[in-house]
Every structure is written in structure tokens, then in C-alpha cells.
Amino acid sequence: MFEINVIYKICPMSEWNCANEQGVYKGSKDDLRDGFIHFSSFDQVLGTLDKHFVGQNDLVLLKVETELLDPNQLKWEKSRNDEEFPHLYGELNLDAVIDVVEITNDR
């Protein structure tokens, strides 16, 4: 179900477990390299899964409530296929994660 104030992050379960231990999600290696955490809108999740996570297992999909993020750190910027993607310029506060779903990745 599409929700307007929700964005999504795909990450390995190990990364999510580490975030829970640290109390904050700092991002993947790619996020740290790029200086922001990459997210997807609902309609972009499958494309992101296909492009960046082919053959990977033990993944989770984080469902994040945008109203619980610092609005000064969340930017919608053009990226793949000239589409706007949500980017978080800061750490993800775990209280903004409203659901975590395991992904079955047979791609």
C-alpha cells in the first residue's frame, strides 16, 4: 500500500542488526561514500532491488516515516533515469523506522 510520507531503504540484515546495536543507522558503504543515505519511494523499490541487490540474500526493507526525520536533512534529488530519489544527509534515527520486512530475493 502506497503511503505518501513513507520512504524505503533496502539493506542487509547484518547492517540493520548493527544499527540496532549502535542506536542509529549510519548507512551502507555506498551511502558513506556518497555522503547521504540512499532511499527509494514505493514505486522505486523494485528497480533499486534489481539494480543494486541482485543475488543478495538476508535483506530487509526499512519503511521510514518522513515526518520523523529532520526535514533539513531529507532532499529529493534526481538520480537514476532522471527520477527524484529521497536522500538523507545525516544518520537515520531508528524511531523513524516504522516497519522492517524481510525480503525474499529470487532475482
Protein backbone atom coordinates (compact mmCIF):
# COMPACT_ATOMS: atom_id res chain seq x y z
CA MET A 1 0.00 0.00 0.00
CA PHE A 2 1.38 3.38 -1.05
CA GLU A 3 1.82 5.94 1.72
CA ILE A 4 2.81 9.49 0.87
CA ASN A 5 5.01 10.17 3.94
CA VAL A 6 6.99 6.94 3.75
CA ILE A 7 10.32 6.15 2.07
CA TYR A 8 12.16 2.85 1.87
CA LYS A 9 15.69 1.57 2.43
CA ILE A 10 16.96 -1.85 1.39
CA CYS A 11 19.88 -3.13 3.43
CA PRO A 12 21.47 -6.38 4.57
CA MET A 13 20.09 -7.80 7.82
CA SER A 14 23.62 -7.57 9.29
CA GLU A 15 23.66 -3.79 8.66
CA TRP A 16 20.27 -3.42 10.31
CA ASN A 17 21.39 -5.51 13.31
CA CYS A 18 24.47 -3.28 13.66
CA ALA A 19 22.27 -0.16 13.54
CA ASN A 20 20.14 -1.55 16.35
CA GLU A 21 23.25 -2.20 18.44
CA GLN A 22 24.53 1.35 17.79
CA GLY A 23 21.12 3.01 18.17
CA VAL A 24 21.40 4.74 14.76
CA TYR A 25 21.74 3.73 11.11
CA LYS A 26 24.73 5.45 9.51
CA GLY A 27 24.26 3.94 6.05
CA SER A 28 25.90 1.41 3.76
CA LYS A 29 29.40 1.68 2.33
CA ASP A 30 27.88 3.34 -0.75
CA ASP A 31 25.93 5.77 1.44
CA LEU A 32 29.04 6.70 3.41
CA ARG A 33 30.98 7.18 0.15
CA ASP A 34 28.26 9.39 -1.35
CA GLY A 35 27.67 11.46 1.79
CA PHE A 36 23.98 10.62 2.18
CA ILE A 37 21.73 7.63 2.79
CA HIS A 38 20.01 6.41 -0.38
CA PHE A 39 16.28 5.75 -0.11
CA SER A 40 13.54 4.86 -2.60
CA SER A 41 9.92 5.78 -2.97
CA PHE A 42 7.40 2.92 -3.02
CA ASP A 43 7.45 2.82 -6.84
CA GLN A 44 11.27 2.74 -6.96
CA VAL A 45 11.89 -0.17 -4.55
CA LEU A 46 11.84 -2.99 -7.13
CA GLY A 47 14.11 -1.06 -9.50
CA THR A 48 16.57 -0.47 -6.66
CA LEU A 49 16.45 -4.14 -5.71
CA ASP A 50 17.09 -5.17 -9.33
CA LYS A 51 19.94 -2.69 -9.85
CA HIS A 52 21.86 -2.97 -6.59
CA PHE A 53 20.94 -6.22 -4.82
CA VAL A 54 20.81 -8.98 -7.46
CA GLY A 55 21.79 -12.31 -5.95
CA GLN A 56 21.95 -10.95 -2.41
CA ASN A 57 20.02 -12.61 0.40
CA ASP A 58 19.33 -11.76 4.03
CA LEU A 59 17.97 -8.34 3.06
CA VAL A 60 15.42 -6.20 4.84
CA LEU A 61 13.23 -3.37 3.67
CA LEU A 62 13.04 -0.47 6.12
CA LYS A 63 9.82 1.51 5.99
CA VAL A 64 10.63 5.05 7.19
CA GLU A 65 8.18 7.78 8.20
CA THR A 66 9.49 11.01 6.65
CA GLU A 67 7.76 13.21 9.23
CA LEU A 68 10.02 11.67 11.89
CA LEU A 69 13.19 12.73 10.03
CA ASP A 70 14.94 16.08 10.21
CA PRO A 71 13.33 17.95 7.27
CA ASN A 72 16.54 19.89 6.69
CA GLN A 73 18.41 16.64 6.01
CA LEU A 74 15.94 14.98 3.60
CA LYS A 75 16.29 16.01 -0.03
CA TRP A 76 14.61 14.68 -3.17
CA GLU A 77 17.24 14.71 -5.91
CA LYS A 78 17.50 13.47 -9.49
CA SER A 79 19.32 10.20 -9.90
CA ARG A 80 18.68 7.00 -11.89
CA ASN A 81 16.63 7.58 -15.06
CA ASP A 82 16.37 11.26 -14.12
CA GLU A 83 13.90 10.31 -11.35
CA GLU A 84 13.88 12.06 -8.00
CA PHE A 85 15.01 9.86 -5.13
CA PRO A 86 14.98 10.64 -1.41
CA HIS A 87 18.43 11.20 0.10
CA LEU A 88 19.06 11.70 3.81
CA TYR A 89 22.07 13.89 4.59
CA GLY A 90 22.61 12.58 8.09
CA GLU A 91 22.06 9.48 10.17
CA LEU A 92 18.75 7.65 10.24
CA ASN A 93 17.16 7.87 13.66
CA LEU A 94 15.71 4.44 14.40
CA ASP A 95 12.44 5.80 15.78
CA ALA A 96 11.60 6.89 12.20
CA VAL A 97 11.64 3.22 11.08
CA ILE A 98 8.01 2.14 11.38
CA ASP A 99 8.37 -1.36 9.91
CA VAL A 100 11.07 -3.82 8.90
CA VAL A 101 10.23 -6.52 6.36
CA GLU A 102 12.49 -9.40 5.33
CA ILE A 103 12.96 -9.54 1.56
CA THR A 104 12.86 -12.79 -0.34
CA ASN A 105 15.22 -12.01 -3.18
CA ASP A 106 14.97 -14.52 -6.02
CA ARG A 107 16.20 -12.01 -8.57
